[in-house]
Amino acid sequence: MKKGILFLAVVAAMVFTSCKDNATDKVKAENVEEAAARDAQEVVYPAMTFDETEHDFGTIEQGTNVEHTFTFTNTGKAPLVITNATSSCGCTVPTWTKEPIAPGEKGEMVVKFNGSGQNQVTKTVNITANTEAGKEQLKIKAFVNPKDTQS
């Protein structure tokens, strides 16, 4: 009985595997050529090259509003589009060039800091753009002198 079931299982396995079509027969030559041509094309991206990626405001008094303009150039081969820029906290607000920036053109990102915190403070601005990496980063820092609380 066991040999009979084993024999039927082997025969069934052979029948199912012998009915497979050869997958290479279904591939069309022109589709292979089109895919090869498509894959051979160079993918071009924009690139953000900043004049500086970090700015130090030095020593400021607590609650003092300061701002810095970061300038960048699109050194890539495609138009640069910044889709978003966020900071590590609400005390830092970035604003940026909204229009696409052509290759070779310059753009600006203004970062405003409201002077909150005390002592050494470092904030990060994360930029989302259509660059190859997709993310860029800027940093600002300052030493914030606390306000005198004596009356």
N, C-alpha and C. Protein backbone atom coordinates (compact mmCIF):
# COMPACT_ATOMS: atom_id res chain seq x y z
N MET A 1 0.82 -1.19 0.00
CA MET A 1 0.00 0.00 0.00
C MET A 1 0.86 1.25 0.00
N LYS A 2 1.89 1.29 0.89
CA LYS A 2 2.76 2.45 0.96
C LYS A 2 3.53 2.63 -0.34
N LYS A 3 3.96 1.49 -0.95
CA LYS A 3 4.70 1.56 -2.20
C LYS A 3 3.80 2.09 -3.32
N GLY A 4 2.55 1.74 -3.30
CA GLY A 4 1.59 2.19 -4.31
C GLY A 4 1.36 3.69 -4.23
N ILE A 5 1.23 4.22 -3.01
CA ILE A 5 1.03 5.66 -2.83
C ILE A 5 2.29 6.42 -3.24
N LEU A 6 3.44 5.88 -2.88
CA LEU A 6 4.71 6.50 -3.25
C LEU A 6 4.87 6.51 -4.76
N PHE A 7 4.52 5.42 -5.42
CA PHE A 7 4.60 5.33 -6.87
C PHE A 7 3.68 6.36 -7.53
N LEU A 8 2.45 6.50 -7.04
CA LEU A 8 1.51 7.48 -7.60
C LEU A 8 2.02 8.90 -7.38
N ALA A 9 2.64 9.18 -6.26
CA ALA A 9 3.16 10.51 -5.98
C ALA A 9 4.30 10.86 -6.94
N VAL A 10 5.18 9.90 -7.20
CA VAL A 10 6.29 10.12 -8.12
C VAL A 10 5.77 10.35 -9.53
N VAL A 11 4.79 9.56 -9.96
CA VAL A 11 4.21 9.72 -11.30
C VAL A 11 3.52 11.08 -11.42
N ALA A 12 2.80 11.49 -10.41
CA ALA A 12 2.12 12.79 -10.43
C ALA A 12 3.13 13.93 -10.49
N ALA A 13 4.21 13.82 -9.76
CA ALA A 13 5.24 14.85 -9.78
C ALA A 13 5.84 14.97 -11.17
N MET A 14 6.10 13.85 -11.84
CA MET A 14 6.66 13.87 -13.18
C MET A 14 5.68 14.50 -14.17
N VAL A 15 4.42 14.19 -14.03
CA VAL A 15 3.42 14.73 -14.95
C VAL A 15 3.34 16.25 -14.80
N PHE A 16 3.31 16.75 -13.58
CA PHE A 16 3.18 18.19 -13.36
C PHE A 16 4.42 18.96 -13.80
N THR A 17 5.60 18.38 -13.59
CA THR A 17 6.82 19.09 -13.98
C THR A 17 7.08 19.00 -15.47
N SER A 18 6.64 17.98 -16.14
CA SER A 18 6.88 17.85 -17.58
C SER A 18 5.94 18.75 -18.38
N CYS A 19 4.87 19.26 -17.79
CA CYS A 19 3.92 20.10 -18.50
C CYS A 19 4.33 21.57 -18.51
N LYS A 20 5.42 21.94 -17.84
CA LYS A 20 5.84 23.33 -17.78
C LYS A 20 6.29 23.80 -19.16
N ASP A 21 5.89 25.03 -19.52
CA ASP A 21 6.39 25.62 -20.75
C ASP A 21 7.78 26.17 -20.50
N ASN A 22 8.56 26.22 -21.53
CA ASN A 22 9.89 26.79 -21.41
C ASN A 22 9.74 28.32 -21.42
N ALA A 23 10.08 28.98 -20.33
CA ALA A 23 9.86 30.41 -20.18
C ALA A 23 10.68 31.22 -21.18
N THR A 24 11.83 30.75 -21.57
CA THR A 24 12.66 31.51 -22.51
C THR A 24 12.03 31.58 -23.89
N ASP A 25 11.16 30.65 -24.22
CA ASP A 25 10.48 30.70 -25.52
C ASP A 25 9.47 31.85 -25.59
N LYS A 26 9.02 32.34 -24.46
CA LYS A 26 8.00 33.39 -24.42
C LYS A 26 8.60 34.80 -24.48
N VAL A 27 9.91 34.95 -24.33
CA VAL A 27 10.55 36.25 -24.32
C VAL A 27 10.71 36.74 -25.76
N LYS A 28 10.22 37.96 -26.02
CA LYS A 28 10.32 38.52 -27.36
C LYS A 28 11.63 39.29 -27.48
N ALA A 29 12.29 39.12 -28.59
CA ALA A 29 13.61 39.74 -28.81
C ALA A 29 13.52 41.27 -28.76
N GLU A 30 12.46 41.84 -29.36
CA GLU A 30 12.37 43.32 -29.37
C GLU A 30 12.17 43.88 -27.96
N ASN A 31 11.51 43.15 -27.07
CA ASN A 31 11.34 43.60 -25.69
C ASN A 31 12.68 43.60 -24.95
N VAL A 32 13.51 42.62 -25.25
CA VAL A 32 14.84 42.56 -24.63
C VAL A 32 15.67 43.75 -25.08
N GLU A 33 15.60 44.09 -26.37
CA GLU A 33 16.36 45.23 -26.91
C GLU A 33 15.88 46.55 -26.31
N GLU A 34 14.56 46.72 -26.18
CA GLU A 34 14.02 47.94 -25.58
C GLU A 34 14.45 48.08 -24.12
N ALA A 35 14.42 47.00 -23.38
CA ALA A 35 14.82 47.04 -21.97
C ALA A 35 16.30 47.35 -21.84
N ALA A 36 17.12 46.80 -22.72
CA ALA A 36 18.56 47.08 -22.67
C ALA A 36 18.83 48.54 -23.00
N ALA A 37 18.13 49.10 -23.98
CA ALA A 37 18.31 50.51 -24.33
C ALA A 37 17.85 51.41 -23.19
N ARG A 38 16.74 51.08 -22.57
CA ARG A 38 16.22 51.87 -21.45
C ARG A 38 17.20 51.84 -20.28
N ASP A 39 17.72 50.68 -19.96
CA ASP A 39 18.63 50.55 -18.83
C ASP A 39 19.99 51.20 -19.10
N ALA A 40 20.35 51.33 -20.37
CA ALA A 40 21.65 51.91 -20.71
C ALA A 40 21.63 53.44 -20.59
N GLN A 41 20.45 54.05 -20.61
CA GLN A 41 20.37 55.51 -20.49
C GLN A 41 20.84 55.96 -19.12
N GLU A 42 21.57 57.06 -19.12
CA GLU A 42 22.06 57.61 -17.86
C GLU A 42 20.92 58.32 -17.15
N VAL A 43 20.76 58.03 -15.88
CA VAL A 43 19.76 58.72 -15.07
C VAL A 43 20.41 59.98 -14.54
N VAL A 44 19.77 61.12 -14.77
CA VAL A 44 20.34 62.39 -14.33
C VAL A 44 19.55 62.92 -13.14
N TYR A 45 20.28 63.48 -12.20
CA TYR A 45 19.69 64.05 -11.00
C TYR A 45 20.22 65.46 -10.80
N PRO A 46 19.45 66.29 -10.11
CA PRO A 46 20.02 67.57 -9.67
C PRO A 46 20.90 67.31 -8.45
N ALA A 47 21.73 68.28 -8.13
CA ALA A 47 22.59 68.16 -6.95
C ALA A 47 22.65 69.52 -6.26
N MET A 48 22.47 69.50 -4.94
CA MET A 48 22.54 70.74 -4.15
C MET A 48 23.95 70.88 -3.60
N THR A 49 24.63 71.94 -4.01
CA THR A 49 25.97 72.23 -3.49
C THR A 49 25.86 73.53 -2.71
N PHE A 50 25.99 73.42 -1.39
CA PHE A 50 25.86 74.59 -0.52
C PHE A 50 27.20 75.30 -0.38
N ASP A 51 27.14 76.65 -0.26
CA ASP A 51 28.34 77.42 0.05
C ASP A 51 28.84 77.04 1.43
N GLU A 52 27.91 76.75 2.35
CA GLU A 52 28.22 76.26 3.69
C GLU A 52 27.04 75.43 4.18
N THR A 53 27.30 74.42 4.99
CA THR A 53 26.21 73.58 5.50
C THR A 53 26.01 73.77 6.99
N GLU A 54 26.84 74.60 7.61
CA GLU A 54 26.71 74.86 9.05
C GLU A 54 27.00 76.33 9.31
N HIS A 55 26.20 76.93 10.21
CA HIS A 55 26.41 78.34 10.57
C HIS A 55 26.39 78.48 12.08
N ASP A 56 27.33 79.25 12.60
CA ASP A 56 27.42 79.52 14.04
C ASP A 56 27.04 80.98 14.27
N PHE A 57 25.96 81.20 15.02
CA PHE A 57 25.53 82.56 15.34
C PHE A 57 26.39 83.18 16.44
N GLY A 58 27.25 82.39 17.05
CA GLY A 58 28.08 82.89 18.14
C GLY A 58 27.27 82.96 19.42
N THR A 59 27.50 83.99 20.24
CA THR A 59 26.78 84.15 21.50
C THR A 59 25.63 85.13 21.29
N ILE A 60 24.43 84.69 21.68
CA ILE A 60 23.24 85.55 21.57
C ILE A 60 22.51 85.53 22.91
N GLU A 61 21.68 86.53 23.13
CA GLU A 61 20.87 86.58 24.34
C GLU A 61 19.61 85.75 24.12
N GLN A 62 19.13 85.12 25.18
CA GLN A 62 17.93 84.29 25.10
C GLN A 62 16.76 85.13 24.61
N GLY A 63 16.00 84.60 23.65
CA GLY A 63 14.84 85.28 23.09
C GLY A 63 15.17 86.19 21.91
N THR A 64 16.44 86.28 21.54
CA THR A 64 16.85 87.11 20.41
C THR A 64 16.61 86.35 19.11
N ASN A 65 15.88 86.97 18.17
CA ASN A 65 15.63 86.35 16.88
C ASN A 65 16.81 86.60 15.95
N VAL A 66 17.32 85.54 15.36
CA VAL A 66 18.41 85.64 14.40
C VAL A 66 18.06 84.81 13.17
N GLU A 67 18.69 85.13 12.06
CA GLU A 67 18.47 84.34 10.84
C GLU A 67 19.73 84.32 10.00
N HIS A 68 19.83 83.27 9.17
CA HIS A 68 20.96 83.12 8.27
C HIS A 68 20.46 82.59 6.94
N THR A 69 21.03 83.09 5.84
CA THR A 69 20.67 82.63 4.51
C THR A 69 21.74 81.68 3.99
N PHE A 70 21.35 80.45 3.76
CA PHE A 70 22.23 79.46 3.14
C PHE A 70 22.03 79.54 1.63
N THR A 71 23.10 79.69 0.88
CA THR A 71 23.02 79.77 -0.58
C THR A 71 23.53 78.44 -1.16
N PHE A 72 22.83 77.97 -2.18
CA PHE A 72 23.23 76.72 -2.83
C PHE A 72 23.13 76.86 -4.34
N THR A 73 23.82 75.97 -5.04
CA THR A 73 23.82 75.94 -6.49
C THR A 73 23.39 74.54 -6.94
N ASN A 74 22.57 74.48 -7.97
CA ASN A 74 22.21 73.19 -8.57
C ASN A 74 23.35 72.79 -9.49
N THR A 75 24.21 71.90 -9.02
CA THR A 75 25.35 71.45 -9.82
C THR A 75 25.05 70.16 -10.57
N GLY A 76 23.80 69.76 -10.59
CA GLY A 76 23.41 68.54 -11.31
C GLY A 76 23.01 68.85 -12.74
N LYS A 77 22.36 67.88 -13.37
CA LYS A 77 21.99 68.00 -14.78
C LYS A 77 20.48 68.04 -14.99
N ALA A 78 19.72 68.24 -13.91
CA ALA A 78 18.25 68.28 -14.00
C ALA A 78 17.75 69.40 -13.09
N PRO A 79 16.55 69.91 -13.32
CA PRO A 79 16.00 70.95 -12.44
C PRO A 79 15.83 70.43 -11.01
N LEU A 80 16.18 71.27 -10.06
CA LEU A 80 16.12 70.94 -8.64
C LEU A 80 14.80 71.44 -8.05
N VAL A 81 14.10 70.55 -7.35
CA VAL A 81 12.85 70.92 -6.69
C VAL A 81 12.95 70.52 -5.22
N ILE A 82 12.81 71.51 -4.34
CA ILE A 82 12.78 71.24 -2.91
C ILE A 82 11.32 71.04 -2.54
N THR A 83 10.99 69.87 -2.02
CA THR A 83 9.60 69.58 -1.69
C THR A 83 9.26 69.91 -0.24
N ASN A 84 10.28 69.88 0.64
CA ASN A 84 10.01 70.16 2.06
C ASN A 84 11.31 70.47 2.78
N ALA A 85 11.18 71.22 3.86
CA ALA A 85 12.31 71.47 4.76
C ALA A 85 11.74 71.58 6.15
N THR A 86 12.27 70.79 7.07
CA THR A 86 11.78 70.80 8.45
C THR A 86 12.95 70.94 9.40
N SER A 87 12.66 71.46 10.57
CA SER A 87 13.72 71.62 11.56
C SER A 87 13.51 70.63 12.70
N SER A 88 14.55 70.52 13.53
CA SER A 88 14.50 69.57 14.63
C SER A 88 13.61 70.07 15.77
N CYS A 89 13.20 71.34 15.73
CA CYS A 89 12.24 71.83 16.73
C CYS A 89 11.50 73.04 16.17
N GLY A 90 10.46 73.46 16.86
CA GLY A 90 9.64 74.57 16.40
C GLY A 90 10.31 75.93 16.53
N CYS A 91 11.44 76.01 17.20
CA CYS A 91 12.12 77.28 17.39
C CYS A 91 12.94 77.67 16.16
N THR A 92 13.05 76.78 15.20
CA THR A 92 13.82 77.02 13.99
C THR A 92 12.89 76.86 12.79
N VAL A 93 12.83 77.91 11.94
CA VAL A 93 11.90 77.89 10.81
C VAL A 93 12.66 78.12 9.50
N PRO A 94 12.65 77.14 8.59
CA PRO A 94 13.29 77.33 7.29
C PRO A 94 12.28 77.81 6.24
N THR A 95 12.73 78.67 5.36
CA THR A 95 11.96 79.05 4.16
C THR A 95 12.91 78.92 2.98
N TRP A 96 12.38 78.55 1.80
CA TRP A 96 13.25 78.23 0.68
C TRP A 96 12.65 78.65 -0.64
N THR A 97 13.48 78.60 -1.67
CA THR A 97 13.07 78.89 -3.03
C THR A 97 12.08 77.82 -3.48
N LYS A 98 10.86 78.23 -3.84
CA LYS A 98 9.81 77.26 -4.18
C LYS A 98 9.85 76.83 -5.65
N GLU A 99 10.35 77.68 -6.53
CA GLU A 99 10.38 77.37 -7.96
C GLU A 99 11.48 76.37 -8.25
N PRO A 100 11.34 75.57 -9.33
CA PRO A 100 12.43 74.67 -9.72
C PRO A 100 13.68 75.49 -10.07
N ILE A 101 14.82 74.96 -9.70
CA ILE A 101 16.09 75.66 -9.92
C ILE A 101 16.83 74.92 -11.02
N ALA A 102 17.07 75.62 -12.12
CA ALA A 102 17.71 75.02 -13.29
C ALA A 102 19.17 74.67 -12.99
N PRO A 103 19.75 73.72 -13.73
CA PRO A 103 21.16 73.41 -13.53
C PRO A 103 22.03 74.65 -13.69
N GLY A 104 22.95 74.85 -12.75
CA GLY A 104 23.83 76.00 -12.76
C GLY A 104 23.28 77.22 -12.04
N GLU A 105 21.99 77.22 -11.71
CA GLU A 105 21.37 78.36 -11.04
C GLU A 105 21.51 78.24 -9.53
N LYS A 106 21.29 79.37 -8.85
CA LYS A 106 21.41 79.42 -7.40
C LYS A 106 20.04 79.53 -6.75
N GLY A 107 19.97 79.07 -5.50
CA GLY A 107 18.76 79.18 -4.69
C GLY A 107 19.16 79.54 -3.26
N GLU A 108 18.16 79.84 -2.44
CA GLU A 108 18.42 80.22 -1.05
C GLU A 108 17.51 79.49 -0.09
N MET A 109 18.03 79.26 1.10
CA MET A 109 17.25 78.73 2.21
C MET A 109 17.55 79.62 3.40
N VAL A 110 16.50 80.31 3.88
CA VAL A 110 16.64 81.19 5.04
C VAL A 110 16.21 80.41 6.28
N VAL A 111 17.07 80.38 7.30
CA VAL A 111 16.78 79.67 8.54
C VAL A 111 16.70 80.70 9.67
N LYS A 112 15.52 80.76 10.31
CA LYS A 112 15.31 81.68 11.42
C LYS A 112 15.29 80.90 12.73
N PHE A 113 15.96 81.46 13.74
CA PHE A 113 16.05 80.84 15.06
C PHE A 113 15.61 81.87 16.08
N ASN A 114 14.70 81.48 17.00
CA ASN A 114 14.14 82.45 17.95
C ASN A 114 14.91 82.58 19.25
N GLY A 115 16.07 81.98 19.36
CA GLY A 115 16.91 82.16 20.54
C GLY A 115 16.42 81.46 21.79
N SER A 116 15.65 80.39 21.62
CA SER A 116 15.19 79.66 22.80
C SER A 116 16.28 78.70 23.26
N GLY A 117 16.12 78.23 24.48
CA GLY A 117 17.11 77.32 25.05
C GLY A 117 18.14 78.08 25.85
N GLN A 118 19.10 77.35 26.35
CA GLN A 118 20.18 77.95 27.13
C GLN A 118 21.48 77.24 26.81
N ASN A 119 22.58 77.99 26.96
CA ASN A 119 23.92 77.48 26.73
C ASN A 119 24.09 77.08 25.26
N GLN A 120 24.88 76.05 24.97
CA GLN A 120 25.15 75.67 23.58
C GLN A 120 23.92 74.98 22.98
N VAL A 121 23.45 75.50 21.85
CA VAL A 121 22.26 74.96 21.18
C VAL A 121 22.63 74.66 19.73
N THR A 122 22.26 73.46 19.26
CA THR A 122 22.48 73.07 17.87
C THR A 122 21.16 72.58 17.30
N LYS A 123 20.79 73.11 16.14
CA LYS A 123 19.54 72.72 15.47
C LYS A 123 19.86 72.23 14.06
N THR A 124 19.05 71.30 13.59
CA THR A 124 19.24 70.70 12.28
C THR A 124 18.04 71.00 11.39
N VAL A 125 18.30 71.30 10.12
CA VAL A 125 17.25 71.47 9.12
C VAL A 125 17.40 70.35 8.11
N ASN A 126 16.35 69.55 7.96
CA ASN A 126 16.34 68.43 7.01
C ASN A 126 15.59 68.84 5.76
N ILE A 127 16.26 68.71 4.63
CA ILE A 127 15.70 69.14 3.34
C ILE A 127 15.35 67.90 2.52
N THR A 128 14.13 67.88 1.98
CA THR A 128 13.72 66.82 1.07
C THR A 128 13.67 67.42 -0.33
N ALA A 129 14.42 66.82 -1.25
CA ALA A 129 14.49 67.34 -2.62
C ALA A 129 14.63 66.16 -3.59
N ASN A 130 14.58 66.47 -4.87
CA ASN A 130 14.66 65.41 -5.88
C ASN A 130 16.11 65.11 -6.27
N THR A 131 17.02 65.22 -5.32
CA THR A 131 18.42 64.84 -5.55
C THR A 131 18.55 63.32 -5.51
N GLU A 132 19.71 62.82 -5.86
CA GLU A 132 19.90 61.36 -5.85
C GLU A 132 19.71 60.78 -4.45
N ALA A 133 20.25 61.47 -3.44
CA ALA A 133 20.09 61.00 -2.05
C ALA A 133 18.68 61.27 -1.54
N GLY A 134 18.05 62.32 -2.01
CA GLY A 134 16.69 62.65 -1.57
C GLY A 134 16.64 63.48 -0.30
N LYS A 135 17.71 63.52 0.45
CA LYS A 135 17.77 64.26 1.72
C LYS A 135 19.07 65.05 1.79
N GLU A 136 18.98 66.26 2.26
CA GLU A 136 20.13 67.10 2.53
C GLU A 136 19.97 67.64 3.95
N GLN A 137 21.05 68.17 4.53
CA GLN A 137 20.98 68.61 5.92
C GLN A 137 21.82 69.87 6.14
N LEU A 138 21.26 70.80 6.92
CA LEU A 138 21.96 72.01 7.34
C LEU A 138 21.95 72.07 8.85
N LYS A 139 22.93 72.77 9.45
CA LYS A 139 22.97 72.92 10.90
C LYS A 139 23.22 74.37 11.27
N ILE A 140 22.57 74.78 12.35
CA ILE A 140 22.87 76.08 12.95
C ILE A 140 23.20 75.84 14.41
N LYS A 141 24.03 76.72 14.96
CA LYS A 141 24.33 76.59 16.37
C LYS A 141 24.56 77.98 16.95
N ALA A 142 24.39 78.06 18.26
CA ALA A 142 24.58 79.32 18.99
C ALA A 142 24.80 79.01 20.45
N PHE A 143 25.46 79.93 21.13
CA PHE A 143 25.54 79.86 22.58
C PHE A 143 24.53 80.87 23.09
N VAL A 144 23.48 80.39 23.79
CA VAL A 144 22.38 81.25 24.25
C VAL A 144 22.61 81.60 25.71
N ASN A 145 22.82 82.90 25.96
CA ASN A 145 22.95 83.40 27.34
C ASN A 145 21.56 83.48 27.95
N PRO A 146 21.33 82.85 29.10
CA PRO A 146 20.01 82.93 29.73
C PRO A 146 19.74 84.34 30.25
N LYS A 147 18.46 84.70 30.27
CA LYS A 147 18.06 86.00 30.80
C LYS A 147 18.28 86.04 32.29
N ASP A 148 18.61 87.20 32.81
CA ASP A 148 18.73 87.36 34.26
C ASP A 148 17.34 87.31 34.88
N THR A 149 17.16 86.45 35.87
CA THR A 149 15.87 86.33 36.53
C THR A 149 15.82 87.08 37.86
N GLN A 150 16.90 87.79 38.18
CA GLN A 150 16.92 88.54 39.45
C GLN A 150 16.17 89.84 39.28
N SER A 151 15.38 90.22 40.28
CA SER A 151 14.64 91.48 40.21
C SER A 151 15.01 92.36 41.36
